[in-house]
Amino acid sequence: MHGFYNRVLKIDVGERSYSIRELSDRELEESLGGKGLGTKLLLEENPPGVDPLAPDNNLIIALGPVTDTPIYGSSRYGIFTKSPQTGFYSESYSGGKAAEVISRTGYDAIVIRGAATTPVFIEISDDGVIFHDATDLWGLDTCAAEDRALEKIGKKRNGVPSERAAAIVIGPAGENLVRFALIENDYWRSAGRTGVGAVMGSKKIKAVCFHGNQRRTVAFPEEAAIFAKEILERGKSNAGVANYKKFGTPMMVAALNKAQAFPTQYWSKGVRDNWEEISAESLNERCHVTPRACARCFIACGRLTTVRNGPHAGLKIEGPEYETLYSFGGLCLVKTVEEIIYLNDLCDRLGIDTITAGNLAGLTIEASLRGKIAEKIAYGDTEAIAQLLEDIAHRRGLGAVLAEGIRHAAARWELEDIAIHVKGMEPAGYDPRVLKGMGLGYATSDRGACHLRATFYKPELSGMIPPDQIDGKAELFVDFEDRLLIADCLIVCRFYRDLYPWEDLARIIRITTGLDWGKEELARYAGHVLSRCRAFNLREGMTPADDALPPRFHNEPLPESGKAISEDDLKRMIQDYYRLRGWDEEGHLRETSG
């Protein structure tokens, strides 16, 4: 089929062997790519009930039919597995330049199973698979590991990486099986959530390198070029594009504080005092900031940031993103953007998800203040938080407790009544006591408390639907979730959501694959994939009771607004959601929905 290679690469790292599985056009039409294909392979390849850190838990890298084509926003890959953080369905996506290089190896997906006895890194090309010893890479941070792996296969010379090669790597946190460890590429791009780095570490894989010369064909190449030009022109006059290029995601600091929904002091407040100190404007004024784009992108939301002054002068990262500003600057009250950049860099190099890291640091501060632990750590204590991150990555002291995740730490410290998570994963920086639709999203997301499956803060903050509205909210939520699920199958970036409405997604699919699907067919397909994700979770022990929010969101109103989200309101939205998905009142699949 156009848009695909019709091939899956299967690697057994324990046996140091590989094979190629052919995919039929029918299989690809039914799975489409990205999330659809990753979910299909996960259901087929993973044994039910497998331990997420066991050799038989597969790590699946999947691409979409738009990867390495003229379609803007297409330089992204997805990773699918069983999460060591939640025990349920895991998906995580990363941008940068790696996706196009991965595509040129000539596969639609790569399935990795087994576990090596000593550290390895894997070289994948269109000529085959080579297993390399990685003993001398083990222990390196993510940046050093990426450099060393590419140097070893001759794809980095004199400090300059080849444009035709890429590596995905883990840091010390992944090596030590920290349950929220991430996978990094292009130094600062992360498949950040659900602990995919721990799965890679459990297989003793330090890095996977890619290079090749294959190119996927699209059904209508001339139309692809025309469409790309149209989107580029549309983007020039789009206010959202202009704001992302100027401010990046840090612009959300102002928006969420003004909405009184900026999680602060470990979820006890909705506004941070002096929030301007960590805003996009402050970042631009205090640091040297240059817009930075992934391959095949004109939005350039990334911030290539260099600290100008103070103890961290000269430190350069791509970031910080809004979620890092919220997690450390909001939940932990770290005072300045420079200090947050310092913690961001530490997380990246160690290979730790910043959302979970900031949440766990906030919980630890509360544990200290409440006398649940002997160690002293206070809000705003950057150096103590930095030491905590190091301890987590190396499983030392308190870090050994936190490395097992929030459910374990909360139970150990008797803080389950204040711990904020859904299914073991902490929410992003949008308080559902104000943004009720985000509460529905956190509660029902197949990977735990996730803001990205529907990005429903967008319609609630922009006035498309009142944040407090309950009736009819699930209908709009499902429309957003369905459309963005199709984007995850293609795979295209979330920030093209306003540039790619339903009709343009249908057009992209026709241009790349030749499939002529309208909105109704696409929505039905999205519902099918969501039900397959649900089936995976139910198979792995999830119950409908897991579709819930932490009690604090119901019982502890925000002091600024007095707002909370009642259990009844959440249940009403969830029941509406189940009905629209074709599931029964308990959230179980009906025969026609899966």
Protein backbone atom coordinates (compact mmCIF):
# COMPACT_ATOMS: atom_id res chain seq x y z
CA MET A 1 0.00 0.00 0.00
CA HIS A 2 1.19 3.52 -0.71
CA GLY A 3 2.53 5.26 2.40
CA PHE A 4 3.93 2.03 3.83
CA TYR A 5 6.76 -0.44 3.35
CA ASN A 6 4.48 -3.35 4.31
CA ARG A 7 7.21 -4.61 6.63
CA VAL A 8 7.78 -5.01 10.38
CA LEU A 9 11.25 -5.68 11.75
CA LYS A 10 11.25 -8.12 14.69
CA ILE A 11 14.32 -8.21 16.92
CA ASP A 12 15.12 -10.63 19.73
CA VAL A 13 17.87 -8.92 21.69
CA GLY A 14 18.42 -11.95 23.93
CA GLU A 15 19.11 -14.24 20.99
CA ARG A 16 20.74 -11.45 18.95
CA SER A 17 18.57 -12.34 16.00
CA TYR A 18 16.05 -10.62 13.77
CA SER A 19 13.42 -11.40 11.16
CA ILE A 20 11.09 -9.47 8.88
CA ARG A 21 7.33 -9.86 8.92
CA GLU A 22 5.40 -8.85 5.84
CA LEU A 23 2.23 -6.83 6.39
CA SER A 24 -0.65 -7.18 3.97
CA ASP A 25 -2.45 -4.17 2.55
CA ARG A 26 -5.53 -5.32 4.43
CA GLU A 27 -3.66 -5.31 7.75
CA LEU A 28 -2.40 -1.80 7.07
CA GLU A 29 -5.82 -0.54 6.01
CA GLU A 30 -7.19 -1.86 9.30
CA SER A 31 -4.37 -0.41 11.43
CA LEU A 32 -3.31 2.64 9.34
CA GLY A 33 -0.01 3.25 11.16
CA GLY A 34 1.34 4.89 14.31
CA LYS A 35 -1.01 4.25 17.22
CA GLY A 36 -3.24 1.95 15.20
CA LEU A 37 -0.36 -0.25 14.10
CA GLY A 38 1.43 -0.07 17.45
CA THR A 39 -1.72 -1.15 19.29
CA LYS A 40 -2.34 -4.01 16.86
CA LEU A 41 1.19 -5.32 17.33
CA LEU A 42 1.06 -4.90 21.11
CA LEU A 43 -2.13 -6.97 21.36
CA GLU A 44 -0.69 -9.64 19.08
CA GLU A 45 2.86 -9.85 20.44
CA ASN A 46 2.54 -9.24 24.19
CA PRO A 47 1.59 -12.18 26.43
CA PRO A 48 -1.40 -11.23 28.63
CA GLY A 49 -0.35 -10.22 32.12
CA VAL A 50 3.35 -9.92 31.31
CA ASP A 51 5.50 -7.99 33.76
CA PRO A 52 6.40 -4.67 32.10
CA LEU A 53 10.10 -5.23 32.89
CA ALA A 54 10.14 -8.85 31.73
CA PRO A 55 11.86 -9.90 28.48
CA ASP A 56 8.54 -10.77 26.85
CA ASN A 57 7.18 -7.22 27.14
CA ASN A 58 7.71 -5.87 23.65
CA LEU A 59 9.07 -2.41 22.89
CA ILE A 60 7.46 -1.29 19.64
CA ILE A 61 8.61 1.66 17.55
CA ALA A 62 6.00 2.68 14.98
CA LEU A 63 5.83 5.27 12.21
CA GLY A 64 2.94 6.65 10.19
CA PRO A 65 2.29 6.90 6.46
CA VAL A 66 3.23 10.60 6.48
CA THR A 67 6.71 10.08 7.96
CA ASP A 68 9.47 11.42 5.68
CA THR A 69 6.95 12.91 3.24
CA PRO A 70 6.27 16.59 2.41
CA ILE A 71 3.45 16.72 5.00
CA TYR A 72 4.27 19.27 7.70
CA GLY A 73 4.37 18.16 11.33
CA SER A 74 5.28 14.59 10.34
CA SER A 75 8.71 14.10 11.93
CA ARG A 76 7.53 12.04 14.89
CA TYR A 77 7.76 8.43 15.97
CA GLY A 78 5.73 6.54 18.56
CA ILE A 79 6.74 3.92 21.12
CA PHE A 80 4.23 1.37 22.38
CA THR A 81 4.61 -1.14 25.20
CA LYS A 82 3.16 -2.11 28.57
CA SER A 83 3.97 0.65 31.02
CA PRO A 84 6.15 -0.07 34.07
CA GLN A 85 4.72 3.12 35.58
CA THR A 86 1.03 2.21 35.35
CA GLY A 87 0.91 -1.46 34.40
CA PHE A 88 -1.37 -0.57 31.50
CA TYR A 89 -1.21 0.62 27.89
CA SER A 90 1.80 2.74 27.07
CA GLU A 91 2.30 5.14 24.19
CA SER A 92 4.85 7.91 23.96
CA TYR A 93 5.87 10.14 21.05
CA SER A 94 8.97 12.15 20.22
CA GLY A 95 9.87 14.73 17.60
CA GLY A 96 13.16 16.14 16.39
CA LYS A 97 14.84 14.64 13.33
CA ALA A 98 15.00 10.97 14.28
CA ALA A 99 11.67 9.85 12.78
CA GLU A 100 12.68 10.54 9.18
CA VAL A 101 15.93 8.61 9.67
CA ILE A 102 14.09 5.69 11.29
CA SER A 103 11.77 5.63 8.28
CA ARG A 104 14.68 5.29 5.88
CA THR A 105 15.57 1.90 7.32
CA GLY A 106 12.54 0.63 5.41
CA TYR A 107 10.12 -0.53 8.11
CA ASP A 108 6.69 0.57 9.30
CA ALA A 109 7.38 -0.71 12.81
CA ILE A 110 10.18 -2.30 14.82
CA VAL A 111 9.30 -4.83 17.52
CA ILE A 112 11.99 -5.54 20.13
CA ARG A 113 11.65 -8.38 22.61
CA GLY A 114 13.95 -10.35 24.90
CA ALA A 115 16.75 -9.12 27.13
CA ALA A 116 20.51 -9.14 26.76
CA THR A 117 22.75 -10.33 29.57
CA THR A 118 25.24 -7.47 29.08
CA PRO A 119 24.69 -3.94 27.74
CA VAL A 120 24.17 -3.65 23.97
CA PHE A 121 23.36 -1.05 21.42
CA ILE A 122 21.60 -1.97 18.21
CA GLU A 123 22.37 -0.65 14.74
CA ILE A 124 19.42 -0.86 12.34
CA SER A 125 19.79 -0.05 8.64
CA ASP A 126 18.24 -1.08 5.36
CA ASP A 127 21.01 -3.70 5.19
CA GLY A 128 20.05 -5.45 8.42
CA VAL A 129 20.67 -5.40 12.17
CA ILE A 130 24.00 -5.37 14.02
CA PHE A 131 24.36 -5.89 17.77
CA HIS A 132 27.22 -3.96 19.40
CA ASP A 133 28.71 -4.19 22.87
CA ALA A 134 27.67 -1.16 24.95
CA THR A 135 29.61 -1.81 28.13
CA ASP A 136 31.53 1.44 27.70
CA LEU A 137 28.29 3.38 27.09
CA TRP A 138 26.56 2.07 30.21
CA GLY A 139 26.40 4.81 32.83
CA LEU A 140 26.68 7.69 30.36
CA ASP A 141 24.11 10.47 30.33
CA THR A 142 21.79 10.68 27.33
CA CYS A 143 23.77 13.32 25.42
CA ALA A 144 27.07 11.50 25.83
CA ALA A 145 25.46 8.16 24.97
CA GLU A 146 23.95 9.54 21.76
CA ASP A 147 27.32 10.96 20.70
CA ARG A 148 29.26 7.81 21.53
CA ALA A 149 26.82 5.44 19.81
CA LEU A 150 26.85 7.46 16.57
CA GLU A 151 30.63 7.72 16.68
CA LYS A 152 30.97 3.97 17.08
CA ILE A 153 29.01 3.28 13.88
CA GLY A 154 30.90 5.99 12.00
CA LYS A 155 27.93 8.35 11.79
CA LYS A 156 29.46 11.20 13.75
CA ARG A 157 32.80 12.74 12.79
CA ASN A 158 34.60 15.66 14.38
CA GLY A 159 31.63 16.20 16.65
CA VAL A 160 29.15 16.58 13.79
CA PRO A 161 26.41 13.94 13.43
CA SER A 162 25.38 12.71 10.00
CA GLU A 163 22.03 14.00 8.81
CA ARG A 164 21.32 10.45 7.65
CA ALA A 165 21.73 8.84 11.07
CA ALA A 166 19.92 9.05 14.39
CA ALA A 167 20.00 7.40 17.78
CA ILE A 168 17.47 6.88 20.55
CA VAL A 169 19.05 6.41 23.96
CA ILE A 170 18.42 6.00 27.66
CA GLY A 171 20.23 7.58 30.61
CA PRO A 172 21.13 6.21 34.03
CA ALA A 173 17.44 6.23 35.05
CA GLY A 174 16.55 3.78 32.29
CA GLU A 175 19.52 1.58 33.14
CA ASN A 176 18.38 1.46 36.77
CA LEU A 177 14.77 0.68 35.80
CA VAL A 178 13.27 3.87 37.19
CA ARG A 179 9.63 3.34 36.31
CA PHE A 180 9.20 6.74 34.65
CA ALA A 181 12.47 6.76 32.71
CA LEU A 182 12.30 8.18 29.20
CA ILE A 183 13.88 7.64 25.79
CA GLU A 184 15.77 10.59 24.28
CA ASN A 185 16.85 11.57 20.77
CA ASP A 186 18.48 14.66 19.25
CA TYR A 187 19.77 15.48 22.78
CA TRP A 188 16.54 17.12 23.98
CA ARG A 189 13.63 15.36 22.32
CA SER A 190 11.89 12.84 24.55
CA ALA A 191 9.44 9.99 24.42
CA GLY A 192 8.81 11.15 27.92
CA ARG A 193 5.83 9.56 29.62
CA THR A 194 4.84 6.09 30.87
CA GLY A 195 8.37 4.76 31.48
CA VAL A 196 9.38 3.50 28.04
CA GLY A 197 13.03 4.10 28.99
CA ALA A 198 12.75 1.55 31.79
CA VAL A 199 11.51 -1.06 29.32
CA MET A 200 14.50 -0.35 27.09
CA GLY A 201 16.78 -0.57 30.12
CA SER A 202 15.25 -3.88 31.21
CA LYS A 203 16.42 -5.29 27.87
CA LYS A 204 19.94 -3.94 28.55
CA ILE A 205 19.68 -1.75 25.44
CA LYS A 206 21.54 1.54 25.86
CA ALA A 207 20.90 2.89 22.36
CA VAL A 208 19.34 2.06 19.02
CA CYS A 209 20.98 3.70 15.99
CA PHE A 210 19.35 4.08 12.60
CA HIS A 211 20.49 4.84 9.05
CA GLY A 212 19.31 3.92 5.58
CA ASN A 213 18.30 5.10 2.15
CA GLN A 214 14.76 3.79 1.72
CA ARG A 215 11.91 6.17 0.88
CA ARG A 216 8.21 5.42 1.20
CA THR A 217 6.03 6.28 -1.77
CA VAL A 218 2.83 8.28 -1.52
CA ALA A 219 -0.23 7.77 -3.67
CA PHE A 220 -0.33 11.29 -5.08
CA PRO A 221 3.10 12.97 -4.81
CA GLU A 222 2.14 16.08 -6.78
CA GLU A 223 -0.86 16.66 -4.53
CA ALA A 224 1.35 16.16 -1.48
CA ALA A 225 3.58 19.01 -2.62
CA ILE A 226 0.58 21.24 -3.37
CA PHE A 227 -1.00 20.49 0.00
CA ALA A 228 2.25 21.26 1.82
CA LYS A 229 2.46 24.66 0.11
CA GLU A 230 -1.15 25.42 1.05
CA ILE A 231 -0.53 24.59 4.71
CA LEU A 232 2.64 26.68 4.73
CA GLU A 233 0.69 29.67 3.42
CA ARG A 234 -2.12 29.05 5.91
CA GLY A 235 0.40 28.96 8.72
CA LYS A 236 1.80 32.38 7.83
CA SER A 237 -1.42 34.09 8.88
CA ASN A 238 -2.27 31.81 11.81
CA ALA A 239 -2.07 33.56 15.19
CA GLY A 240 -1.39 30.32 17.02
CA VAL A 241 1.60 29.57 14.80
CA ALA A 242 2.97 33.06 15.42
CA ASN A 243 2.60 32.68 19.19
CA TYR A 244 4.26 29.28 19.26
CA LYS A 245 7.19 30.63 17.25
CA LYS A 246 7.56 33.67 19.52
CA PHE A 247 6.86 32.12 22.92
CA GLY A 248 6.62 28.33 22.56
CA THR A 249 4.65 26.33 25.11
CA PRO A 250 5.86 28.55 28.01
CA MET A 251 3.12 30.99 26.96
CA MET A 252 0.73 28.67 28.80
CA VAL A 253 2.12 29.84 32.16
CA ALA A 254 0.25 33.12 31.79
CA ALA A 255 -2.89 31.50 30.39
CA LEU A 256 -3.24 28.96 33.21
CA ASN A 257 -2.48 31.41 36.00
CA LYS A 258 -5.06 33.83 34.62
CA ALA A 259 -7.55 30.95 34.50
CA GLN A 260 -6.61 30.11 38.12
CA ALA A 261 -5.82 26.56 36.99
CA PHE A 262 -2.01 26.54 37.32
CA PRO A 263 -1.16 23.69 39.75
CA THR A 264 0.88 25.23 42.54
CA GLN A 265 2.49 24.10 45.82
CA TYR A 266 1.75 20.45 45.10
CA TRP A 267 -1.81 20.95 43.87
CA SER A 268 -2.96 23.10 46.80
CA LYS A 269 -3.41 26.32 44.79
CA GLY A 270 -4.35 27.44 41.28
CA VAL A 271 -2.19 30.55 41.03
CA ARG A 272 1.51 30.95 41.74
CA ASP A 273 2.63 34.19 43.37
CA ASN A 274 4.94 36.09 41.02
CA TRP A 275 4.23 33.66 38.21
CA GLU A 276 5.64 36.23 35.82
CA GLU A 277 9.12 35.16 36.99
CA ILE A 278 8.73 31.85 35.15
CA SER A 279 6.67 33.06 32.19
CA ALA A 280 7.52 32.98 28.48
CA GLU A 281 8.26 36.70 28.61
CA SER A 282 10.69 36.20 31.48
CA LEU A 283 12.38 33.35 29.64
CA ASN A 284 12.85 35.50 26.54
CA GLU A 285 14.13 38.47 28.56
CA ARG A 286 16.51 36.63 30.90
CA CYS A 287 17.95 34.03 28.50
CA HIS A 288 19.12 33.90 24.93
CA VAL A 289 16.26 32.14 23.14
CA THR A 290 16.02 31.04 19.51
CA PRO A 291 12.99 29.29 17.98
CA ARG A 292 13.86 25.72 17.00
CA ALA A 293 11.86 23.36 14.80
CA CYS A 294 11.71 19.64 14.25
CA ALA A 295 12.31 18.39 10.74
CA ARG A 296 9.41 19.15 8.38
CA CYS A 297 7.97 21.91 10.56
CA PHE A 298 7.43 25.65 10.25
CA ILE A 299 5.88 26.24 13.68
CA ALA A 300 9.24 26.06 15.50
CA CYS A 301 7.75 25.83 19.00
CA GLY A 302 11.05 24.63 20.49
CA ARG A 303 13.17 27.05 22.50
CA LEU A 304 16.94 26.70 22.05
CA THR A 305 17.79 28.43 25.28
CA THR A 306 21.11 29.56 26.75
CA VAL A 307 21.30 30.90 30.31
CA ARG A 308 22.94 34.33 30.33
CA ASN A 309 23.71 35.02 33.98
CA GLY A 310 24.15 33.45 37.38
CA PRO A 311 25.59 30.10 38.47
CA HIS A 312 24.16 28.32 35.41
CA ALA A 313 25.43 30.83 32.83
CA GLY A 314 26.24 29.13 29.54
CA LEU A 315 23.93 26.17 30.11
CA LYS A 316 22.09 25.37 26.86
CA ILE A 317 19.01 23.21 26.39
CA GLU A 318 16.03 22.95 24.10
CA GLY A 319 13.35 24.09 26.49
CA PRO A 320 11.96 24.44 29.03
CA GLU A 321 8.48 23.41 27.93
CA TYR A 322 5.38 24.55 29.79
CA GLU A 323 5.04 21.21 31.57
CA THR A 324 8.52 21.54 33.08
CA LEU A 325 7.82 25.11 34.17
CA TYR A 326 4.61 23.93 35.84
CA SER A 327 6.06 20.84 37.49
CA PHE A 328 9.11 22.50 39.04
CA GLY A 329 8.06 26.16 39.05
CA GLY A 330 4.48 25.53 40.13
CA LEU A 331 4.36 22.34 42.17
CA CYS A 332 7.79 22.84 43.77
CA LEU A 333 7.91 26.67 43.76
CA VAL A 334 11.36 26.81 42.16
CA LYS A 335 11.83 30.53 41.83
CA THR A 336 13.44 31.37 38.48
CA VAL A 337 13.53 30.14 34.89
CA GLU A 338 17.29 29.64 35.21
CA GLU A 339 16.86 27.22 38.10
CA ILE A 340 14.13 25.35 36.20
CA ILE A 341 16.41 25.10 33.15
CA TYR A 342 19.08 23.60 35.42
CA LEU A 343 16.63 20.94 36.67
CA ASN A 344 15.34 20.39 33.12
CA ASP A 345 18.86 19.69 31.88
CA LEU A 346 19.48 17.32 34.76
CA CYS A 347 16.30 15.36 34.00
CA ASP A 348 17.17 15.15 30.30
CA ARG A 349 20.66 13.85 30.95
CA LEU A 350 19.53 11.36 33.58
CA GLY A 351 16.63 10.30 31.35
CA ILE A 352 13.70 11.21 33.62
CA ASP A 353 10.27 12.55 32.67
CA THR A 354 10.00 16.10 34.02
CA ILE A 355 6.25 15.97 34.72
CA THR A 356 6.57 12.96 37.01
CA ALA A 357 9.86 14.23 38.47
CA GLY A 358 8.33 17.55 39.53
CA ASN A 359 5.25 15.85 40.93
CA LEU A 360 7.34 13.42 42.96
CA ALA A 361 9.56 16.22 44.22
CA GLY A 362 6.43 18.08 45.34
CA LEU A 363 5.12 14.98 47.11
CA THR A 364 8.49 14.55 48.82
CA ILE A 365 8.42 18.14 50.04
CA GLU A 366 4.99 17.49 51.53
CA ALA A 367 6.27 14.28 53.12
CA SER A 368 9.08 16.26 54.73
CA LEU A 369 6.81 19.05 55.96
CA ARG A 370 4.33 16.54 57.41
CA GLY A 371 7.03 14.55 59.21
CA LYS A 372 6.54 11.42 57.11
CA ILE A 373 10.25 11.27 56.31
CA ALA A 374 13.28 12.37 58.31
CA GLU A 375 14.96 14.17 55.42
CA LYS A 376 14.46 17.93 55.17
CA ILE A 377 13.46 19.38 51.80
CA ALA A 378 11.54 22.62 51.33
CA TYR A 379 9.61 24.33 48.57
CA GLY A 380 11.92 26.29 46.31
CA ASP A 381 15.06 24.41 47.40
CA THR A 382 16.58 23.86 43.96
CA GLU A 383 19.74 22.08 45.10
CA ALA A 384 17.82 19.65 47.31
CA ILE A 385 15.50 18.87 44.38
CA ALA A 386 18.51 18.38 42.09
CA GLN A 387 20.03 15.93 44.57
CA LEU A 388 16.69 14.12 44.76
CA LEU A 389 16.68 13.71 40.96
CA GLU A 390 20.18 12.23 41.05
CA ASP A 391 19.10 9.88 43.85
CA ILE A 392 16.05 8.77 41.88
CA ALA A 393 18.12 7.97 38.79
CA HIS A 394 20.60 5.95 40.83
CA ARG A 395 18.06 4.51 43.31
CA ARG A 396 19.70 5.95 46.42
CA GLY A 397 17.91 6.73 49.68
CA LEU A 398 14.58 8.46 49.11
CA GLY A 399 15.26 8.09 45.40
CA ALA A 400 14.93 4.32 45.67
CA VAL A 401 11.38 4.77 46.98
CA LEU A 402 10.44 7.37 44.36
CA ALA A 403 11.96 5.34 41.51
CA GLU A 404 9.10 2.87 41.97
CA GLY A 405 6.54 5.57 41.20
CA ILE A 406 3.95 7.64 43.00
CA ARG A 407 1.68 4.82 44.13
CA HIS A 408 4.58 3.07 45.87
CA ALA A 409 5.93 6.25 47.47
CA ALA A 410 2.50 7.43 48.64
CA ALA A 411 1.76 4.06 50.25
CA ARG A 412 5.21 3.89 51.85
CA TRP A 413 4.86 7.37 53.35
CA GLU A 414 1.12 7.10 54.16
CA LEU A 415 0.28 9.98 51.80
CA GLU A 416 -2.25 8.25 49.59
CA ASP A 417 -4.86 10.82 50.59
CA ILE A 418 -2.89 13.69 49.00
CA ALA A 419 -1.05 11.94 46.14
CA ILE A 420 -2.19 13.17 42.73
CA HIS A 421 -2.25 10.59 39.91
CA VAL A 422 -4.56 8.55 37.71
CA LYS A 423 -3.64 4.92 37.18
CA GLY A 424 -0.18 5.70 38.55
CA MET A 425 0.65 8.59 36.22
CA GLU A 426 0.61 12.22 37.33
CA PRO A 427 -1.39 14.88 35.45
CA ALA A 428 0.03 17.70 33.39
CA GLY A 429 -0.33 21.37 34.33
CA TYR A 430 -4.09 21.86 33.91
CA ASP A 431 -6.14 21.69 37.09
CA PRO A 432 -9.41 19.78 36.47
CA ARG A 433 -11.15 21.58 39.32
CA VAL A 434 -11.34 24.51 36.92
CA LEU A 435 -11.12 22.75 33.55
CA LYS A 436 -13.74 20.04 33.98
CA GLY A 437 -13.16 18.50 30.56
CA MET A 438 -9.53 17.93 31.46
CA GLY A 439 -10.86 15.91 34.40
CA LEU A 440 -12.72 13.67 31.96
CA GLY A 441 -9.54 13.38 29.89
CA TYR A 442 -7.34 12.47 32.85
CA ALA A 443 -9.84 9.92 34.16
CA THR A 444 -10.44 8.06 30.89
CA SER A 445 -7.08 8.26 29.09
CA ASP A 446 -5.75 4.84 28.21
CA ARG A 447 -2.26 5.71 29.51
CA GLY A 448 -3.15 7.43 32.79
CA ALA A 449 -3.56 11.15 33.53
CA CYS A 450 -2.81 12.50 30.08
CA HIS A 451 -3.36 15.99 28.64
CA LEU A 452 -2.36 15.12 25.07
CA ARG A 453 -4.90 12.54 23.95
CA ALA A 454 -7.48 15.30 23.43
CA THR A 455 -5.67 18.52 24.49
CA PHE A 456 -9.04 19.58 25.84
CA TYR A 457 -7.57 22.59 27.61
CA LYS A 458 -7.67 24.18 24.16
CA PRO A 459 -11.49 24.39 23.76
CA GLU A 460 -12.00 25.14 27.46
CA LEU A 461 -9.51 28.00 27.61
CA SER A 462 -10.41 29.44 24.20
CA GLY A 463 -14.14 29.75 24.89
CA MET A 464 -15.34 26.96 22.58
CA ILE A 465 -17.11 25.45 25.59
CA PRO A 466 -17.41 26.77 29.18
CA PRO A 467 -14.97 25.02 31.53
CA ASP A 468 -17.75 24.39 34.09
CA GLN A 469 -20.21 22.93 31.58
CA ILE A 470 -20.98 19.25 32.16
CA ASP A 471 -23.84 18.42 29.78
CA GLY A 472 -22.62 17.95 26.25
CA LYS A 473 -18.96 18.11 27.23
CA ALA A 474 -18.27 14.46 26.42
CA GLU A 475 -19.56 14.95 22.87
CA LEU A 476 -17.04 17.68 22.10
CA PHE A 477 -14.34 15.78 23.98
CA VAL A 478 -14.87 12.67 21.84
CA ASP A 479 -14.66 14.74 18.67
CA PHE A 480 -11.30 16.17 19.77
CA GLU A 481 -10.03 12.79 20.96
CA ASP A 482 -11.05 11.04 17.74
CA ARG A 483 -9.43 13.65 15.52
CA LEU A 484 -6.20 13.61 17.49
CA LEU A 485 -6.14 9.82 17.53
CA ILE A 486 -6.13 9.91 13.73
CA ALA A 487 -3.23 12.36 14.00
CA ASP A 488 -1.43 9.79 16.20
CA CYS A 489 -1.92 7.11 13.57
CA LEU A 490 -0.46 9.27 10.82
CA ILE A 491 1.77 10.45 13.08
CA VAL A 492 1.51 14.29 13.00
CA CYS A 493 2.33 16.78 15.73
CA ARG A 494 -0.33 17.97 18.19
CA PHE A 495 0.42 21.60 17.41
CA TYR A 496 -0.95 21.18 13.88
CA ARG A 497 -4.37 20.42 15.35
CA ASP A 498 -5.76 23.84 14.32
CA LEU A 499 -4.24 23.55 10.84
CA TYR A 500 -5.52 19.99 10.24
CA PRO A 501 -9.29 19.78 10.77
CA TRP A 502 -11.13 16.59 9.83
CA GLU A 503 -11.27 17.35 6.12
CA ASP A 504 -7.51 17.92 5.95
CA LEU A 505 -6.77 14.70 7.82
CA ALA A 506 -8.92 12.87 5.28
CA ARG A 507 -7.03 14.63 2.48
CA ILE A 508 -3.65 13.67 3.99
CA ILE A 509 -4.73 10.02 4.18
CA ARG A 510 -5.90 10.02 0.57
CA ILE A 511 -2.71 11.75 -0.65
CA THR A 512 -0.39 9.38 1.18
CA THR A 513 -2.22 6.03 1.14
CA GLY A 514 -4.89 6.38 -1.54
CA LEU A 515 -7.61 5.51 0.99
CA ASP A 516 -10.64 7.75 0.42
CA TRP A 517 -12.16 8.08 3.90
CA GLY A 518 -14.55 10.78 5.09
CA LYS A 519 -15.04 12.11 8.60
CA GLU A 520 -17.63 9.48 9.52
CA GLU A 521 -15.31 6.63 8.53
CA LEU A 522 -12.35 8.24 10.27
CA ALA A 523 -14.32 8.75 13.49
CA ARG A 524 -15.51 5.15 13.39
CA TYR A 525 -11.94 3.97 12.87
CA ALA A 526 -10.73 6.14 15.79
CA GLY A 527 -13.36 4.58 18.04
CA HIS A 528 -12.20 1.13 16.95
CA VAL A 529 -8.58 1.89 17.92
CA LEU A 530 -9.66 3.39 21.27
CA SER A 531 -11.63 0.25 22.00
CA ARG A 532 -8.59 -1.88 21.22
CA CYS A 533 -6.56 0.17 23.70
CA ARG A 534 -9.35 -0.34 26.21
CA ALA A 535 -9.33 -4.07 25.51
CA PHE A 536 -5.59 -4.18 26.22
CA ASN A 537 -6.06 -2.40 29.56
CA LEU A 538 -8.95 -4.59 30.62
CA ARG A 539 -6.89 -7.62 29.70
CA GLU A 540 -4.07 -6.32 31.90
CA GLY A 541 -6.28 -5.91 34.96
CA MET A 542 -7.69 -2.40 34.70
CA THR A 543 -11.20 -1.99 36.08
CA PRO A 544 -13.71 0.80 35.43
CA ALA A 545 -12.97 2.00 38.97
CA ASP A 546 -9.59 3.10 37.63
CA ASP A 547 -11.36 5.73 35.49
CA ALA A 548 -11.35 8.17 38.38
CA LEU A 549 -9.67 11.28 39.74
CA PRO A 550 -7.78 11.70 43.02
CA PRO A 551 -10.15 12.52 45.91
CA ARG A 552 -8.52 15.92 46.48
CA PHE A 553 -9.98 17.19 43.21
CA HIS A 554 -13.46 16.47 44.59
CA ASN A 555 -12.96 17.39 48.23
CA GLU A 556 -10.42 20.20 48.25
CA PRO A 557 -11.58 23.33 46.40
CA LEU A 558 -8.97 25.71 45.04
CA PRO A 559 -8.57 28.66 47.41
CA GLU A 560 -8.61 31.33 44.67
CA SER A 561 -11.86 30.29 42.99
CA GLY A 562 -13.48 27.85 45.41
CA LYS A 563 -13.82 25.43 42.51
CA ALA A 564 -13.74 21.64 42.66
CA ILE A 565 -15.02 18.90 40.38
CA SER A 566 -17.75 16.88 42.05
CA GLU A 567 -17.84 13.11 41.86
CA ASP A 568 -21.35 13.31 40.39
CA ASP A 569 -20.26 15.66 37.60
CA LEU A 570 -17.32 13.44 36.74
CA LYS A 571 -19.51 10.33 36.74
CA ARG A 572 -22.02 12.03 34.42
CA MET A 573 -19.31 12.91 31.94
CA ILE A 574 -17.80 9.43 32.14
CA GLN A 575 -21.18 7.79 31.54
CA ASP A 576 -21.72 10.03 28.52
CA TYR A 577 -18.23 9.11 27.31
CA TYR A 578 -18.85 5.36 27.70
CA ARG A 579 -22.12 5.68 25.79
CA LEU A 580 -20.51 7.59 22.94
CA ARG A 581 -17.73 5.01 22.75
CA GLY A 582 -20.25 2.17 22.55
CA TRP A 583 -19.16 0.68 25.88
CA ASP A 584 -21.55 -0.46 28.61
CA GLU A 585 -22.27 1.50 31.80
CA GLU A 586 -19.35 -0.16 33.56
CA GLY A 587 -16.92 0.80 30.80
CA HIS A 588 -16.64 -2.72 29.41
CA LEU A 589 -16.59 -3.33 25.67
CA ARG A 590 -19.64 -4.47 23.83
CA GLU A 591 -19.04 -6.89 20.98
CA THR A 592 -19.61 -4.15 18.40
CA SER A 593 -17.16 -1.65 19.93
CA GLY A 594 -13.89 -3.56 19.87
